[in-house]
Protein backbone atom coordinates (compact mmCIF):
# COMPACT_ATOMS: atom_id res chain seq x y z
CA UNK A 1 0.00 0.00 0.00
CA UNK A 2 1.27 3.44 -0.93
CA UNK A 3 2.84 5.77 1.61
CA UNK A 4 0.75 8.94 1.23
CA UNK A 5 2.19 12.37 1.99
CA UNK A 6 0.12 15.53 2.13
CA UNK A 7 1.62 18.99 1.69
CA UNK A 8 -0.41 22.05 2.71
CA UNK A 9 0.48 24.95 0.43
CA UNK A 10 -0.67 28.51 -0.11
CA UNK A 11 -0.57 30.93 -3.01
CA UNK A 12 0.71 34.29 -1.76
CA UNK A 13 1.30 37.75 -3.31
CA UNK A 14 4.71 38.14 -4.92
CA UNK A 15 5.36 41.56 -3.44
CA UNK A 16 6.69 43.33 -0.38
CA UNK A 17 4.02 46.02 -0.65
CA UNK A 18 0.77 44.65 0.76
CA UNK A 19 -2.52 46.49 0.16
CA UNK A 20 -5.30 46.01 2.69
CA UNK A 21 -9.06 46.35 2.23
CA UNK A 22 -9.90 48.99 4.88
CA UNK A 23 -13.40 47.56 5.47
CA UNK A 24 -12.60 43.86 5.86
CA UNK A 25 -8.94 44.00 6.90
CA UNK A 26 -8.13 41.36 4.26
CA UNK A 27 -5.49 41.45 1.54
CA UNK A 28 -6.24 43.02 -1.84
CA UNK A 29 -4.90 40.48 -4.34
CA UNK A 30 -6.25 41.94 -7.60
CA UNK A 31 -3.47 42.94 -9.96
CA UNK A 32 -0.74 41.35 -7.83
CA UNK A 33 1.26 38.39 -9.16
CA UNK A 34 1.15 35.29 -6.95
CA UNK A 35 3.66 32.56 -6.09
CA UNK A 36 3.99 29.39 -4.06
CA UNK A 37 4.69 30.43 -0.47
CA UNK A 38 8.41 30.10 0.29
CA UNK A 39 8.25 27.81 3.33
CA UNK A 40 5.63 25.67 1.58
CA UNK A 41 8.10 25.16 -1.27
CA UNK A 42 10.55 23.73 1.31
CA UNK A 43 7.78 21.49 2.66
CA UNK A 44 7.02 20.21 -0.84
CA UNK A 45 10.71 19.65 -1.60
CA UNK A 46 11.13 17.49 1.50
CA UNK A 47 8.10 15.40 0.53
CA UNK A 48 9.54 14.97 -2.96
CA UNK A 49 12.91 13.88 -1.54
CA UNK A 50 11.13 11.13 0.38
CA UNK A 51 9.39 10.16 -2.85
CA UNK A 52 12.76 10.05 -4.63
CA UNK A 53 14.24 7.78 -1.96
CA UNK A 54 11.41 5.29 -1.40
CA UNK A 55 9.15 3.31 -3.71
CA UNK A 56 5.37 3.70 -3.80
CA UNK A 57 5.20 7.19 -2.29
CA UNK A 58 2.36 9.48 -3.39
CA UNK A 59 2.55 13.24 -2.78
CA UNK A 60 -0.65 15.28 -2.70
CA UNK A 61 -0.75 19.07 -2.36
CA UNK A 62 -3.79 20.69 -0.74
CA UNK A 63 -4.62 24.38 -0.77
CA UNK A 64 -7.40 26.86 -0.08
CA UNK A 65 -7.82 29.92 -2.26
CA UNK A 66 -9.41 31.50 -5.33
CA UNK A 67 -9.59 29.59 -8.65
CA UNK A 68 -6.28 31.10 -9.81
CA UNK A 69 -4.54 29.13 -7.07
CA UNK A 70 -4.65 26.27 -9.59
CA UNK A 71 -1.69 27.97 -11.30
CA UNK A 72 0.38 27.48 -8.15
CA UNK A 73 -0.78 23.88 -7.87
CA UNK A 74 0.27 23.28 -11.47
CA UNK A 75 3.76 24.40 -10.45
CA UNK A 76 3.68 21.85 -7.63
CA UNK A 77 2.82 19.10 -10.14
CA UNK A 78 5.59 20.35 -12.44
CA UNK A 79 8.03 20.01 -9.53
CA UNK A 80 7.01 16.40 -8.96
CA UNK A 81 3.80 16.21 -6.89
CA UNK A 82 1.32 13.51 -7.93
CA UNK A 83 -2.05 15.04 -7.04
CA UNK A 84 -3.54 18.35 -6.00
CA UNK A 85 -6.78 19.45 -4.40
CA UNK A 86 -8.09 22.98 -3.99
CA UNK A 87 -10.98 24.15 -1.84
CA UNK A 88 -12.26 27.28 -3.56
CA UNK A 89 -15.52 28.86 -2.45
CA UNK A 90 -16.68 32.35 -1.52
CA UNK A 91 -17.99 30.82 1.70
CA UNK A 92 -14.41 30.36 2.94
CA UNK A 93 -13.15 33.75 1.73
CA UNK A 94 -11.72 36.06 4.37
CA UNK A 95 -10.94 33.21 6.76
CA UNK A 96 -8.38 33.81 9.49
CA UNK A 97 -6.04 31.01 10.62
CA UNK A 98 -8.70 29.32 12.75
CA UNK A 99 -11.30 29.28 9.96
CA UNK A 100 -8.66 28.37 7.35
CA UNK A 101 -7.56 25.33 9.36
CA UNK A 102 -11.22 24.25 9.63
CA UNK A 103 -11.58 24.37 5.85
CA UNK A 104 -8.27 22.57 5.25
CA UNK A 105 -9.07 19.81 7.76
CA UNK A 106 -12.42 19.18 6.08
CA UNK A 107 -10.60 19.01 2.73
CA UNK A 108 -7.97 16.62 4.09
CA UNK A 109 -10.62 14.34 5.58
CA UNK A 110 -12.47 14.18 2.28
CA UNK A 111 -9.23 13.31 0.47
CA UNK A 112 -8.52 10.61 3.08
CA UNK A 113 -12.02 9.22 2.65
CA UNK A 114 -11.46 8.91 -1.09
CA UNK A 115 -8.11 7.17 -0.48
CA UNK A 116 -9.61 4.86 2.11
CA UNK A 117 -6.90 5.66 4.69
CA UNK A 118 -5.35 8.63 6.52
CA UNK A 119 -2.26 10.38 5.20
CA UNK A 120 0.95 8.87 6.57
CA UNK A 121 2.79 12.18 6.79
CA UNK A 122 1.65 15.80 6.60
CA UNK A 123 3.91 18.73 5.72
CA UNK A 124 3.32 22.47 5.83
CA UNK A 125 5.48 25.55 5.66
CA UNK A 126 6.29 27.25 8.94
CA UNK A 127 4.32 30.36 7.94
CA UNK A 128 3.03 32.32 4.96
CA UNK A 129 4.83 35.49 3.88
CA UNK A 130 1.54 37.42 3.71
CA UNK A 131 0.51 36.65 7.29
CA UNK A 132 3.55 35.40 9.21
CA UNK A 133 1.35 33.79 11.88
CA UNK A 134 2.81 30.24 11.85
CA UNK A 135 -0.57 29.05 13.17
CA UNK A 136 -2.30 27.09 10.41
CA UNK A 137 0.01 24.06 10.43
CA UNK A 138 -0.24 23.48 14.20
CA UNK A 139 -4.01 24.08 14.13
CA UNK A 140 -4.44 21.49 11.37
CA UNK A 141 -2.39 18.98 13.39
CA UNK A 142 -4.50 19.54 16.49
CA UNK A 143 -7.75 19.08 14.58
CA UNK A 144 -6.45 15.95 12.84
CA UNK A 145 -5.32 14.71 16.28
CA UNK A 146 -1.78 13.90 15.14
CA UNK A 147 1.56 14.84 16.77
CA UNK A 148 3.43 17.82 15.36
CA UNK A 149 6.95 19.20 15.19
CA UNK A 150 7.42 22.80 14.06
CA UNK A 151 10.43 24.69 12.67
CA UNK A 152 11.97 21.59 11.10
CA UNK A 153 15.47 22.20 9.71
CA UNK A 154 16.56 18.57 9.27
CA UNK A 155 14.60 15.35 8.79
CA UNK A 156 15.34 11.64 8.58
CA UNK A 157 12.59 9.08 7.94
CA UNK A 158 13.51 5.52 8.93
CA UNK A 159 13.31 2.70 6.40
CA UNK A 160 10.18 1.30 8.04
CA UNK A 161 8.66 4.77 7.39
CA UNK A 162 7.02 4.76 10.80
CA UNK A 163 9.31 7.19 12.64
CA UNK A 164 10.90 10.56 11.88
CA UNK A 165 14.01 11.96 13.53
CA UNK A 166 13.73 15.72 13.40
CA UNK A 167 16.14 18.56 14.13
CA UNK A 168 13.99 21.45 15.33
CA UNK A 169 15.30 24.99 15.10
CA UNK A 170 15.04 27.12 18.23
CA UNK A 171 16.10 30.66 19.11
CA UNK A 172 18.94 29.48 21.33
CA UNK A 173 19.90 26.21 19.63
CA UNK A 174 18.04 23.14 18.44
CA UNK A 175 16.18 20.03 19.60
CA UNK A 176 16.45 16.47 18.27
CA UNK A 177 13.01 14.85 18.39
CA UNK A 178 11.74 11.42 17.35
CA UNK A 179 8.10 11.27 16.35
CA UNK A 180 5.93 8.45 15.05
CA UNK A 181 4.03 8.75 11.80
CA UNK A 182 1.45 9.98 11.01
CA UNK A 183 2.53 13.43 12.13
CA UNK A 184 2.63 17.07 11.03
CA UNK A 185 5.99 18.70 10.24
CA UNK A 186 6.35 22.41 9.45
CA UNK A 187 9.35 23.34 7.32
CA UNK A 188 11.73 26.29 7.40
CA UNK A 189 14.09 27.44 4.64
CA UNK A 190 17.12 25.76 6.25
CA UNK A 191 15.55 22.35 5.61
CA UNK A 192 16.47 22.22 1.91
CA UNK A 193 16.69 24.04 -1.40
CA UNK A 194 13.48 23.60 -3.46
CA UNK A 195 13.92 22.13 -6.93
CA UNK A 196 12.85 23.76 -10.16
CA UNK A 197 10.02 22.63 -12.38
CA UNK A 198 11.01 20.25 -15.16
CA UNK A 199 9.91 20.33 -18.79
CA UNK A 200 8.37 16.88 -18.39
CA UNK A 201 6.66 18.03 -15.22
CA UNK A 202 5.18 21.07 -16.96
CA UNK A 203 3.61 18.88 -19.65
CA UNK A 204 2.34 16.49 -16.96
CA UNK A 205 0.77 19.39 -15.07
CA UNK A 206 -1.09 20.61 -18.14
CA UNK A 207 -2.61 17.16 -18.61
CA UNK A 208 -3.43 16.62 -14.93
CA UNK A 209 -7.03 16.68 -13.75
CA UNK A 210 -6.93 18.92 -10.68
CA UNK A 211 -9.61 18.55 -8.07
CA UNK A 212 -11.43 21.75 -7.12
CA UNK A 213 -13.90 21.32 -4.28
CA UNK A 214 -16.49 23.66 -2.84
CA UNK A 215 -17.39 24.04 0.82
CA UNK A 216 -20.36 21.74 0.18
CA UNK A 217 -18.09 19.11 -1.41
CA UNK A 218 -15.93 18.86 1.72
CA UNK A 219 -18.95 19.12 4.00
CA UNK A 220 -17.41 21.81 6.20
CA UNK A 221 -19.68 23.53 8.71
CA UNK A 222 -20.28 26.99 7.21
CA UNK A 223 -20.53 28.40 10.72
CA UNK A 224 -16.81 27.65 11.17
CA UNK A 225 -15.35 29.21 8.00
CA UNK A 226 -15.22 32.57 6.29
CA UNK A 227 -14.88 36.12 7.52
CA UNK A 228 -17.83 36.03 9.91
CA UNK A 229 -16.54 32.86 11.58
CA UNK A 230 -13.03 34.28 12.08
CA UNK A 231 -12.35 35.22 15.71
CA UNK A 232 -9.37 37.39 14.77
CA UNK A 233 -10.26 41.08 14.55
CA UNK A 234 -7.80 43.23 12.60
CA UNK A 235 -7.42 46.60 14.33
CA UNK A 236 -5.18 48.14 11.67
CA UNK A 237 -3.04 46.85 8.82
CA UNK A 238 -0.56 49.00 6.95
CA UNK A 239 2.66 49.00 4.96
CA UNK A 240 5.42 50.51 7.14
CA UNK A 241 7.02 53.68 5.82
CA UNK A 242 10.48 53.11 4.33
CA UNK A 243 13.37 53.84 6.66
CA UNK A 244 15.42 56.98 6.14
CA UNK A 245 18.79 56.90 4.45
CA UNK A 246 21.63 55.83 6.72
CA UNK A 247 24.59 58.05 7.57
CA UNK A 248 28.13 56.88 6.90
CA UNK A 249 30.86 58.14 9.20
CA UNK A 250 34.48 58.21 8.10
CA UNK A 251 37.80 59.23 9.56
CA UNK A 252 41.48 58.45 9.61
CA UNK A 253 41.29 56.80 13.01
CA UNK A 254 38.70 55.00 15.12
CA UNK A 255 38.82 57.89 17.57
CA UNK A 256 37.78 60.37 14.88
CA UNK A 257 34.82 58.19 13.85
CA UNK A 258 33.69 57.69 17.44
CA UNK A 259 33.96 61.44 18.07
CA UNK A 260 31.71 62.13 15.06
CA UNK A 261 29.22 59.55 16.31
CA UNK A 262 29.07 61.08 19.80
CA UNK A 263 28.62 64.59 18.39
CA UNK A 264 25.81 63.36 16.11
CA UNK A 265 24.02 61.56 18.95
CA UNK A 266 24.34 64.63 21.18
CA UNK A 267 22.90 66.86 18.46
CA UNK A 268 19.87 64.55 18.32
CA UNK A 269 19.56 64.69 22.11
CA UNK A 270 20.08 60.92 22.33
CA UNK A 271 22.92 61.34 24.84
């Protein structure tokens, strides 16, 4: 029986300048190019490396978003994923992390029902570049009732494929953790370098029948998804003003430079 890996991925704006709808507090995506979220690309790459190493591994990518998110999923197929599924419905639009995880869990459970078994391993990126919350992966794990390890920077799956040894990045060092499968692992950029799409993969993606499900298809409770069901209230969202130009100090000796610095700080009433 196949070893099934799920990768949760998100299509995000390819820009550092984020525009916010002042009424809803949600991102304005119209007219902004979109890409596969960076950390999710690392999550997909790690799943594909397991597929490269072991026989009979199937990689499925799941996402929630507008219909154009299929473009991102086509890239995932072109990189080497086997299947994709997208939940796309106005009913889930405007979801915060809590509501998003509800929609994704319903989607995952429907995919598992069609397979006839749960996924053996679930990957997600640490966080999305448009939200930076790092909440969706852990929330999905909790609702699927599987163990989780976040901030994964190194991974080894044993040959029996029933246990992972994980190096977990921390602010002051790292942890080495062993966890049984099935489990959720969230990837950071240090985990690997994502591969490029291949020509063969691009042709495969164009021929692939991608599943697009509605909220009704996944049977998610509409009271738990969408903007109205999101407990997060955005007080204010804005693009920070660019920082002023820095000042370069120069001198023939360190003493001269330090003297200039002290004079400058005194003029600004900092000292």
